[in-house]
N, C-alpha and C. Protein backbone atom coordinates (compact mmCIF):
# COMPACT_ATOMS: atom_id res chain seq x y z
N UNK A 1 -81.51 169.30 -36.92
CA UNK A 1 -82.54 169.37 -35.85
C UNK A 1 -83.69 169.65 -36.87
N UNK A 2 -84.87 169.03 -36.65
CA UNK A 2 -86.00 169.52 -37.36
C UNK A 2 -86.52 170.63 -37.29
N UNK A 3 -87.22 171.33 -37.95
CA UNK A 3 -87.94 172.72 -37.82
C UNK A 3 -88.79 172.49 -36.94
N UNK A 4 -89.29 173.77 -36.23
CA UNK A 4 -90.22 173.90 -35.55
C UNK A 4 -90.15 172.82 -34.06
N UNK A 5 -89.07 172.75 -33.73
CA UNK A 5 -88.79 172.00 -32.26
C UNK A 5 -88.56 173.33 -31.16
N UNK A 6 -89.73 173.80 -30.97
CA UNK A 6 -89.64 174.96 -30.15
C UNK A 6 -88.99 174.63 -28.68
N UNK A 7 -89.30 173.57 -28.09
CA UNK A 7 -88.86 172.93 -26.80
C UNK A 7 -87.31 172.82 -26.95
N UNK A 8 -86.49 172.88 -27.84
CA UNK A 8 -85.27 172.71 -27.89
C UNK A 8 -84.57 173.94 -27.66
N UNK A 9 -85.45 175.34 -27.81
CA UNK A 9 -84.93 176.60 -27.47
C UNK A 9 -85.15 177.13 -26.08
N UNK A 10 -84.13 177.64 -25.40
CA UNK A 10 -84.39 178.25 -24.24
C UNK A 10 -85.33 179.51 -24.30
N UNK A 11 -85.66 180.18 -22.98
CA UNK A 11 -86.49 181.15 -22.63
C UNK A 11 -86.14 182.23 -23.68
N UNK A 12 -84.86 182.71 -23.40
CA UNK A 12 -84.48 183.74 -24.35
C UNK A 12 -84.23 183.72 -25.76
N UNK A 13 -84.10 182.35 -26.28
CA UNK A 13 -84.07 182.23 -27.64
C UNK A 13 -85.44 182.21 -28.39
N UNK A 14 -86.57 181.74 -27.36
CA UNK A 14 -87.98 181.69 -27.85
C UNK A 14 -88.49 183.00 -27.72
N UNK A 15 -88.25 183.75 -27.04
CA UNK A 15 -88.54 185.32 -26.81
C UNK A 15 -88.04 186.20 -28.02
N UNK A 16 -86.83 185.90 -28.23
CA UNK A 16 -85.95 186.78 -29.33
C UNK A 16 -86.73 186.25 -30.81
N UNK A 17 -86.83 184.82 -31.06
CA UNK A 17 -87.55 184.48 -32.13
C UNK A 17 -88.89 185.10 -32.35
N UNK A 18 -89.67 184.92 -31.09
CA UNK A 18 -91.06 185.70 -31.39
C UNK A 18 -90.90 187.04 -31.84
N UNK A 19 -89.96 187.88 -30.98
CA UNK A 19 -89.78 189.37 -31.63
C UNK A 19 -89.56 189.56 -33.06
N UNK A 20 -88.61 188.78 -33.48
CA UNK A 20 -88.14 189.08 -34.78
C UNK A 20 -89.28 188.54 -35.87
N UNK A 21 -90.06 187.34 -35.53
CA UNK A 21 -90.93 186.75 -36.05
C UNK A 21 -92.05 187.89 -36.53
N UNK A 22 -92.57 188.77 -35.48
CA UNK A 22 -93.71 189.69 -35.39
C UNK A 22 -93.12 190.68 -36.13
N UNK A 23 -91.80 191.18 -36.09
CA UNK A 23 -91.28 192.20 -36.93
C UNK A 23 -91.25 191.97 -38.53
N UNK A 24 -90.76 190.78 -38.69
CA UNK A 24 -91.07 190.36 -40.22
C UNK A 24 -92.44 189.98 -40.75
N UNK A 25 -93.21 189.71 -40.01
CA UNK A 25 -94.79 189.64 -40.44
C UNK A 25 -95.22 191.14 -40.72
N UNK A 26 -95.10 192.14 -39.73
CA UNK A 26 -95.23 193.35 -39.90
C UNK A 26 -94.77 193.96 -41.22
N UNK A 27 -93.49 193.72 -41.51
CA UNK A 27 -92.74 194.06 -42.58
C UNK A 27 -93.25 193.46 -44.02
N UNK A 28 -93.81 192.52 -43.94
CA UNK A 28 -94.62 191.75 -45.04
C UNK A 28 -95.66 192.29 -45.39
N UNK A 29 -96.33 193.00 -44.54
CA UNK A 29 -97.62 193.64 -44.48
C UNK A 29 -97.59 195.16 -44.75
N UNK A 30 -96.26 195.54 -45.25
CA UNK A 30 -96.02 196.98 -45.42
C UNK A 30 -95.89 197.89 -44.50
N UNK A 31 -95.28 197.49 -43.15
CA UNK A 31 -95.07 198.34 -41.93
C UNK A 31 -93.58 198.54 -41.96
N UNK A 32 -93.35 199.70 -41.65
CA UNK A 32 -91.85 200.20 -41.09
C UNK A 32 -91.54 199.74 -39.59
N UNK A 33 -90.55 199.22 -39.45
CA UNK A 33 -90.21 198.70 -37.91
C UNK A 33 -89.13 199.40 -37.49
N UNK A 34 -89.34 199.92 -36.18
CA UNK A 34 -88.37 200.41 -35.50
C UNK A 34 -88.05 200.00 -34.19
N UNK A 35 -86.79 199.39 -33.89
CA UNK A 35 -86.62 198.79 -32.68
C UNK A 35 -86.20 199.79 -31.59
N UNK A 36 -86.51 199.47 -30.47
CA UNK A 36 -86.05 200.43 -29.49
C UNK A 36 -84.65 199.90 -28.85
N UNK A 37 -83.88 200.87 -28.38
CA UNK A 37 -82.55 200.59 -28.00
C UNK A 37 -82.43 200.10 -26.60
N UNK A 38 -83.26 200.34 -25.95
CA UNK A 38 -83.54 199.83 -24.39
C UNK A 38 -84.82 199.34 -24.31
N UNK A 39 -85.05 198.27 -23.59
CA UNK A 39 -86.38 197.65 -23.49
C UNK A 39 -86.63 197.98 -22.16
N UNK A 40 -86.94 199.32 -21.66
CA UNK A 40 -87.17 199.32 -20.18
C UNK A 40 -88.66 199.98 -19.94
N UNK A 41 -89.36 200.12 -20.89
CA UNK A 41 -90.68 200.71 -20.87
C UNK A 41 -91.79 199.59 -21.39
N UNK A 42 -91.36 198.53 -21.66
CA UNK A 42 -92.20 197.44 -21.98
C UNK A 42 -92.49 197.43 -23.37
N UNK A 43 -92.26 198.38 -24.10
CA UNK A 43 -92.46 198.39 -25.52
C UNK A 43 -91.12 197.77 -26.26
N UNK A 44 -91.40 196.83 -27.21
CA UNK A 44 -90.32 196.02 -27.74
C UNK A 44 -89.95 196.80 -28.83
N UNK A 45 -91.10 197.65 -29.75
CA UNK A 45 -90.69 198.30 -30.92
C UNK A 45 -91.90 199.00 -31.40
N UNK A 46 -91.86 199.95 -32.28
CA UNK A 46 -92.68 200.79 -32.86
C UNK A 46 -92.94 200.31 -34.41
N UNK A 47 -94.00 200.40 -35.11
CA UNK A 47 -94.35 200.16 -36.34
C UNK A 47 -95.23 201.17 -37.10
N UNK A 48 -94.95 201.41 -38.15
CA UNK A 48 -96.16 202.28 -38.80
C UNK A 48 -96.10 202.02 -40.26
N UNK A 49 -97.32 202.14 -40.77
CA UNK A 49 -97.74 202.19 -42.26
C UNK A 49 -97.41 203.41 -43.00
N UNK A 50 -97.02 203.48 -44.15
CA UNK A 50 -96.64 205.03 -44.64
C UNK A 50 -97.63 205.99 -44.45
N UNK A 51 -98.74 205.72 -44.48
CA UNK A 51 -100.03 206.64 -44.10
C UNK A 51 -100.69 206.56 -43.04
N UNK A 52 -100.00 206.06 -41.86
CA UNK A 52 -100.75 205.90 -40.71
C UNK A 52 -100.01 206.01 -39.52
N UNK A 53 -100.44 206.34 -38.24
CA UNK A 53 -100.07 206.38 -37.25
C UNK A 53 -98.81 205.18 -36.85
N UNK A 54 -98.13 205.73 -35.59
CA UNK A 54 -97.03 204.72 -35.27
C UNK A 54 -98.00 203.63 -34.28
N UNK A 55 -97.70 202.76 -34.25
CA UNK A 55 -98.24 201.59 -33.15
C UNK A 55 -96.99 201.11 -32.44
N UNK A 56 -97.37 200.78 -31.01
CA UNK A 56 -96.47 200.23 -30.07
C UNK A 56 -96.77 198.86 -29.75
N UNK A 57 -95.78 198.14 -29.73
CA UNK A 57 -95.75 196.74 -29.84
C UNK A 57 -95.24 195.94 -28.69
N UNK A 58 -95.63 195.36 -27.64
CA UNK A 58 -95.25 194.56 -27.01
C UNK A 58 -95.24 192.92 -27.25
N UNK A 59 -94.02 192.34 -27.36
CA UNK A 59 -94.23 190.93 -27.68
C UNK A 59 -94.07 189.76 -26.44
N UNK A 60 -94.92 189.13 -26.53
CA UNK A 60 -94.85 187.94 -25.42
C UNK A 60 -94.97 186.33 -26.33
N UNK A 61 -94.46 185.52 -25.50
CA UNK A 61 -94.50 184.13 -26.24
C UNK A 61 -94.82 183.15 -25.17
N UNK A 62 -95.45 182.09 -25.76
CA UNK A 62 -96.01 181.02 -24.71
C UNK A 62 -95.57 179.86 -25.63
N UNK A 63 -95.46 178.86 -24.89
CA UNK A 63 -95.12 177.40 -25.67
C UNK A 63 -96.46 176.58 -25.40
N UNK A 64 -97.57 176.74 -26.35
CA UNK A 64 -98.75 176.39 -26.38
C UNK A 64 -99.60 177.30 -25.39
N UNK A 65 -100.28 176.64 -24.38
CA UNK A 65 -101.20 177.36 -23.60
C UNK A 65 -100.50 177.71 -22.18
N UNK A 66 -101.21 178.97 -21.66
CA UNK A 66 -100.88 179.39 -20.39
C UNK A 66 -101.19 180.99 -20.14
N UNK A 67 -100.51 181.49 -19.20
CA UNK A 67 -100.89 182.96 -18.81
C UNK A 67 -99.62 183.66 -19.21
N UNK A 68 -99.94 184.92 -19.91
CA UNK A 68 -99.01 185.84 -20.03
C UNK A 68 -99.27 187.22 -19.25
N UNK A 69 -98.35 188.08 -18.91
CA UNK A 69 -99.07 189.52 -18.50
C UNK A 69 -98.01 190.71 -18.89
N UNK A 70 -98.60 191.62 -18.53
CA UNK A 70 -97.75 192.64 -18.74
C UNK A 70 -98.15 194.02 -17.65
N UNK A 71 -97.00 194.36 -16.96
CA UNK A 71 -96.99 195.45 -15.92
C UNK A 71 -98.01 196.60 -16.52
N UNK A 72 -98.86 197.13 -15.61
CA UNK A 72 -99.82 198.30 -15.96
C UNK A 72 -99.05 199.49 -16.37
N UNK A 73 -97.92 199.46 -15.57
CA UNK A 73 -97.08 201.05 -16.08
C UNK A 73 -96.40 200.82 -17.38
N UNK A 74 -96.33 199.58 -17.72
CA UNK A 74 -95.40 199.59 -19.16
C UNK A 74 -96.41 199.03 -20.47
N UNK A 75 -97.74 199.03 -20.00
CA UNK A 75 -98.52 198.67 -21.02
C UNK A 75 -99.88 199.43 -20.74
N UNK A 76 -99.95 200.69 -21.26
CA UNK A 76 -101.05 201.59 -21.14
C UNK A 76 -102.31 201.25 -22.03
N UNK A 77 -103.28 201.20 -21.83
CA UNK A 77 -104.50 200.97 -22.64
C UNK A 77 -104.77 202.12 -23.42
N UNK A 78 -104.33 202.23 -24.38
CA UNK A 78 -104.63 203.24 -25.44
C UNK A 78 -104.58 202.67 -26.79
N UNK A 79 -105.22 203.33 -27.81
CA UNK A 79 -105.64 202.86 -29.18
C UNK A 79 -104.44 202.28 -30.10
N UNK A 80 -103.43 202.94 -29.83
CA UNK A 80 -102.09 202.44 -30.63
C UNK A 80 -101.11 201.61 -29.72
N UNK A 81 -101.57 200.76 -28.95
CA UNK A 81 -100.63 200.07 -28.22
C UNK A 81 -101.04 198.50 -28.48
N UNK A 82 -100.41 197.60 -28.75
CA UNK A 82 -100.69 196.18 -28.98
C UNK A 82 -99.89 195.16 -28.48
N UNK A 83 -100.46 194.18 -28.06
CA UNK A 83 -99.76 192.90 -27.55
C UNK A 83 -99.76 192.09 -28.62
N UNK A 84 -98.43 191.45 -29.09
CA UNK A 84 -98.16 190.57 -30.30
C UNK A 84 -97.83 189.10 -29.50
N UNK A 85 -98.90 188.42 -29.54
CA UNK A 85 -98.63 187.10 -28.79
C UNK A 85 -98.44 185.97 -29.71
N UNK A 86 -97.28 185.27 -29.64
CA UNK A 86 -96.83 184.21 -30.59
C UNK A 86 -96.95 183.08 -29.58
N UNK A 87 -98.11 182.01 -30.05
CA UNK A 87 -97.96 180.75 -29.34
C UNK A 87 -97.24 179.78 -30.13
N UNK A 88 -96.29 178.72 -29.58
CA UNK A 88 -95.25 177.85 -30.09
C UNK A 88 -95.74 176.43 -29.79
N UNK A 89 -96.17 175.62 -30.47
CA UNK A 89 -96.32 174.25 -30.20
C UNK A 89 -95.25 173.46 -31.22
N UNK A 90 -94.60 172.18 -30.60
CA UNK A 90 -93.77 171.59 -31.20
C UNK A 90 -94.22 171.15 -32.70
N UNK A 91 -93.50 171.21 -33.74
CA UNK A 91 -94.03 170.63 -34.91
C UNK A 91 -94.90 171.56 -35.69
N UNK A 92 -95.20 172.66 -35.27
CA UNK A 92 -96.27 173.56 -35.79
C UNK A 92 -95.59 175.03 -36.09
N UNK A 93 -95.85 175.50 -37.10
CA UNK A 93 -95.72 177.11 -37.32
C UNK A 93 -96.25 177.85 -36.19
N UNK A 94 -95.72 179.29 -35.76
CA UNK A 94 -96.16 179.97 -34.66
C UNK A 94 -97.41 180.50 -34.86
N UNK A 95 -98.39 180.33 -34.05
CA UNK A 95 -99.94 181.13 -34.14
C UNK A 95 -99.45 182.43 -33.50
N UNK A 96 -99.91 183.46 -34.46
CA UNK A 96 -99.65 184.80 -33.98
C UNK A 96 -100.96 185.75 -33.87
N UNK A 97 -100.57 186.32 -32.79
CA UNK A 97 -102.24 187.12 -32.27
C UNK A 97 -101.68 188.72 -32.37
N UNK A 98 -102.47 189.60 -32.66
CA UNK A 98 -102.00 190.97 -32.50
C UNK A 98 -103.24 191.68 -31.86
N UNK A 99 -103.13 191.81 -30.51
CA UNK A 99 -104.41 192.44 -29.66
C UNK A 99 -104.23 193.91 -29.23
N UNK A 100 -105.07 194.60 -29.60
CA UNK A 100 -105.06 196.07 -29.18
C UNK A 100 -105.34 196.11 -27.57
N UNK A 101 -104.49 197.04 -26.99
CA UNK A 101 -104.59 196.98 -25.46
C UNK A 101 -105.87 197.20 -24.90
N UNK A 102 -106.77 197.95 -25.67
CA UNK A 102 -107.92 198.42 -25.37
C UNK A 102 -109.05 197.43 -25.11
N UNK A 103 -108.51 195.98 -25.50
CA UNK A 103 -109.14 194.84 -25.27
C UNK A 103 -109.35 194.51 -23.66
N UNK A 104 -108.57 195.14 -23.18
CA UNK A 104 -108.63 195.03 -21.62
C UNK A 104 -109.35 196.04 -20.88
N UNK A 105 -109.96 196.86 -21.58
CA UNK A 105 -110.93 197.99 -20.83
C UNK A 105 -112.11 197.25 -20.39
N UNK A 106 -112.56 196.20 -20.88
CA UNK A 106 -113.36 195.23 -20.13
C UNK A 106 -113.00 193.94 -20.10
N UNK A 107 -112.55 193.73 -18.79
CA UNK A 107 -111.99 192.61 -18.30
C UNK A 107 -112.73 191.46 -18.26
N UNK A 108 -112.41 190.25 -18.38
CA UNK A 108 -113.36 189.19 -18.46
C UNK A 108 -112.38 187.96 -18.06
N UNK A 109 -112.78 186.62 -18.14
CA UNK A 109 -111.92 185.55 -17.67
C UNK A 109 -110.93 185.31 -18.78
N UNK A 110 -110.72 185.93 -19.99
CA UNK A 110 -109.47 185.99 -20.78
C UNK A 110 -108.64 187.02 -20.79
N UNK A 111 -109.32 188.26 -20.65
CA UNK A 111 -108.52 189.55 -20.45
C UNK A 111 -108.77 190.18 -19.22
N UNK A 112 -107.51 189.82 -18.33
CA UNK A 112 -107.53 189.77 -16.78
C UNK A 112 -107.04 191.20 -16.58
N UNK A 113 -107.51 191.71 -15.40
CA UNK A 113 -107.25 192.71 -14.72
C UNK A 113 -106.74 192.46 -13.42
N UNK A 114 -105.57 192.57 -12.91
CA UNK A 114 -105.05 192.12 -11.61
C UNK A 114 -104.33 193.61 -10.91
N UNK A 115 -105.13 193.91 -9.91
CA UNK A 115 -104.89 195.00 -9.30
C UNK A 115 -103.86 194.67 -8.13
N UNK A 116 -103.72 193.83 -7.56
CA UNK A 116 -103.09 193.30 -6.07
C UNK A 116 -102.97 194.37 -5.47
N UNK A 117 -103.95 194.86 -4.82
CA UNK A 117 -103.87 196.13 -4.00
C UNK A 117 -104.39 195.65 -2.48
N UNK A 118 -104.70 194.53 -2.43
CA UNK A 118 -105.07 194.06 -0.99
C UNK A 118 -103.93 193.89 -0.15
N UNK A 119 -104.11 193.88 1.03
CA UNK A 119 -103.02 193.74 2.14
C UNK A 119 -102.08 192.61 2.03
N UNK A 120 -100.61 192.95 1.80
CA UNK A 120 -99.82 191.90 1.85
C UNK A 120 -99.51 191.43 0.31
N UNK A 121 -100.15 191.78 -0.63
CA UNK A 121 -99.77 191.38 -2.04
C UNK A 121 -98.61 192.38 -2.65
N UNK A 122 -97.61 191.85 -3.29
CA UNK A 122 -96.51 192.70 -3.38
C UNK A 122 -96.39 192.88 -4.92
N UNK A 123 -97.14 191.81 -5.90
CA UNK A 123 -96.76 192.02 -7.12
C UNK A 123 -97.38 193.27 -7.73
N UNK A 124 -96.91 193.92 -8.54
CA UNK A 124 -97.52 195.26 -9.26
C UNK A 124 -98.63 194.88 -10.22
N UNK A 125 -99.47 195.89 -10.27
CA UNK A 125 -100.69 195.51 -11.07
C UNK A 125 -100.42 195.23 -12.45
N UNK A 126 -101.08 194.20 -12.99
CA UNK A 126 -100.76 193.80 -14.32
C UNK A 126 -102.20 193.36 -15.07
N UNK A 127 -101.90 193.55 -16.52
CA UNK A 127 -103.19 193.36 -17.26
C UNK A 127 -102.35 191.72 -17.82
N UNK A 128 -103.58 190.89 -17.78
CA UNK A 128 -103.03 189.34 -18.01
C UNK A 128 -103.94 188.77 -19.17
N UNK A 129 -103.29 187.89 -19.68
CA UNK A 129 -104.12 186.92 -20.86
C UNK A 129 -104.18 185.53 -20.44
N UNK A 130 -105.53 185.03 -20.30
CA UNK A 130 -105.32 183.48 -20.13
C UNK A 130 -105.83 182.76 -21.58
N UNK A 131 -104.46 182.04 -21.79
CA UNK A 131 -104.64 181.35 -23.13
C UNK A 131 -104.80 179.86 -22.92
N UNK A 132 -105.87 179.17 -23.15
CA UNK A 132 -106.37 177.84 -23.07
C UNK A 132 -107.01 177.46 -24.30
N UNK A 133 -107.41 176.13 -24.57
CA UNK A 133 -107.97 175.52 -25.39
C UNK A 133 -109.27 176.22 -25.64
N UNK A 134 -109.70 176.14 -24.57
CA UNK A 134 -111.28 176.89 -24.40
C UNK A 134 -111.41 178.29 -24.72
N UNK A 135 -110.32 179.08 -24.60
CA UNK A 135 -110.40 180.51 -24.90
C UNK A 135 -109.94 180.65 -26.24
N UNK A 136 -109.18 179.77 -26.98
CA UNK A 136 -108.87 180.05 -28.42
C UNK A 136 -110.00 180.71 -29.40
N UNK A 137 -111.25 180.09 -29.16
CA UNK A 137 -112.48 180.97 -30.10
C UNK A 137 -112.47 182.31 -29.83
N UNK A 138 -112.37 182.59 -28.36
CA UNK A 138 -112.55 184.15 -28.22
C UNK A 138 -111.34 184.93 -28.59
N UNK A 139 -110.12 184.38 -28.85
CA UNK A 139 -109.05 184.97 -29.14
C UNK A 139 -108.88 185.23 -30.80
N UNK A 140 -109.77 184.44 -31.59
CA UNK A 140 -109.68 184.06 -33.07
C UNK A 140 -109.84 185.66 -33.60
N UNK A 141 -110.70 186.52 -33.09
CA UNK A 141 -110.75 187.61 -33.77
C UNK A 141 -109.46 188.54 -33.63
N UNK A 142 -108.59 188.17 -32.80
CA UNK A 142 -107.40 188.85 -32.69
C UNK A 142 -106.24 188.15 -33.51
N UNK A 143 -106.47 187.11 -34.36
CA UNK A 143 -105.42 186.38 -34.99
C UNK A 143 -104.77 187.66 -35.82
N UNK A 144 -103.55 187.63 -36.06
CA UNK A 144 -102.47 188.48 -36.71
C UNK A 144 -103.35 189.13 -37.83
N UNK A 145 -103.81 187.95 -38.94
CA UNK A 145 -104.31 188.50 -40.36
C UNK A 145 -105.47 189.30 -40.07
N UNK A 146 -106.33 188.95 -39.07
CA UNK A 146 -107.55 189.75 -38.56
C UNK A 146 -107.23 191.04 -38.30
N UNK A 147 -106.45 191.09 -37.34
CA UNK A 147 -106.10 192.50 -36.77
C UNK A 147 -105.22 193.32 -37.91
N UNK A 148 -104.74 192.85 -38.60
CA UNK A 148 -103.96 193.52 -39.81
C UNK A 148 -105.05 194.12 -40.89
N UNK A 149 -105.59 193.19 -41.25
CA UNK A 149 -106.89 193.60 -41.99
C UNK A 149 -107.79 194.96 -41.80
N UNK A 150 -108.18 194.62 -40.36
CA UNK A 150 -108.88 195.69 -39.68
C UNK A 150 -108.10 196.86 -39.65
N UNK A 151 -106.85 196.81 -39.33
CA UNK A 151 -105.90 197.91 -39.08
C UNK A 151 -105.76 198.84 -40.37
N UNK A 152 -105.59 197.79 -41.31
CA UNK A 152 -105.42 198.35 -42.90
C UNK A 152 -106.60 199.24 -43.36
N UNK A 153 -107.86 198.73 -43.08
CA UNK A 153 -109.11 199.34 -43.22
C UNK A 153 -109.31 200.90 -42.62
N UNK A 154 -108.74 200.87 -41.38
CA UNK A 154 -108.87 202.07 -40.61
C UNK A 154 -107.78 203.13 -41.04
N UNK A 155 -106.64 202.52 -41.48
CA UNK A 155 -105.45 203.46 -42.09
C UNK A 155 -105.59 204.01 -43.23
N UNK A 156 -105.84 202.81 -43.99
CA UNK A 156 -105.53 203.11 -45.57
C UNK A 156 -107.21 203.63 -46.11
N UNK A 157 -108.38 203.54 -45.18
CA UNK A 157 -109.55 203.77 -45.80
C UNK A 157 -110.02 202.78 -46.58
């Protein structure tokens, strides 16, 4: 099978690949990664650099463009909580973004706040992310490399 044929993987496989991919990328940047035993709180793992605080990471994956969301009860907006987003397109390496949860403090067309508090709405409140070709430029400051570089400056001084 040719490499990077993401559509040949099922949903569970692509999700597992994304989680391991993020863990390995963080490890390659000097982080210690600790997996959770049970994923009932929305956090897939925690990581830390030797001299810094722990960060909580929730991983989501998309096959190219679309919408992902995190339940508000499982993705609190606080400085050390991050969304790791892996975008998969056949024939290409995954694109990885590391987005601080505080990006949702000022919702907009990309960083969405869905309250679902109207009569008859049954979905739980969520933070969403609209990923489209048009929005890719606005997501570029959150590329994995950019966020890691900024994180290193904050932690390592």
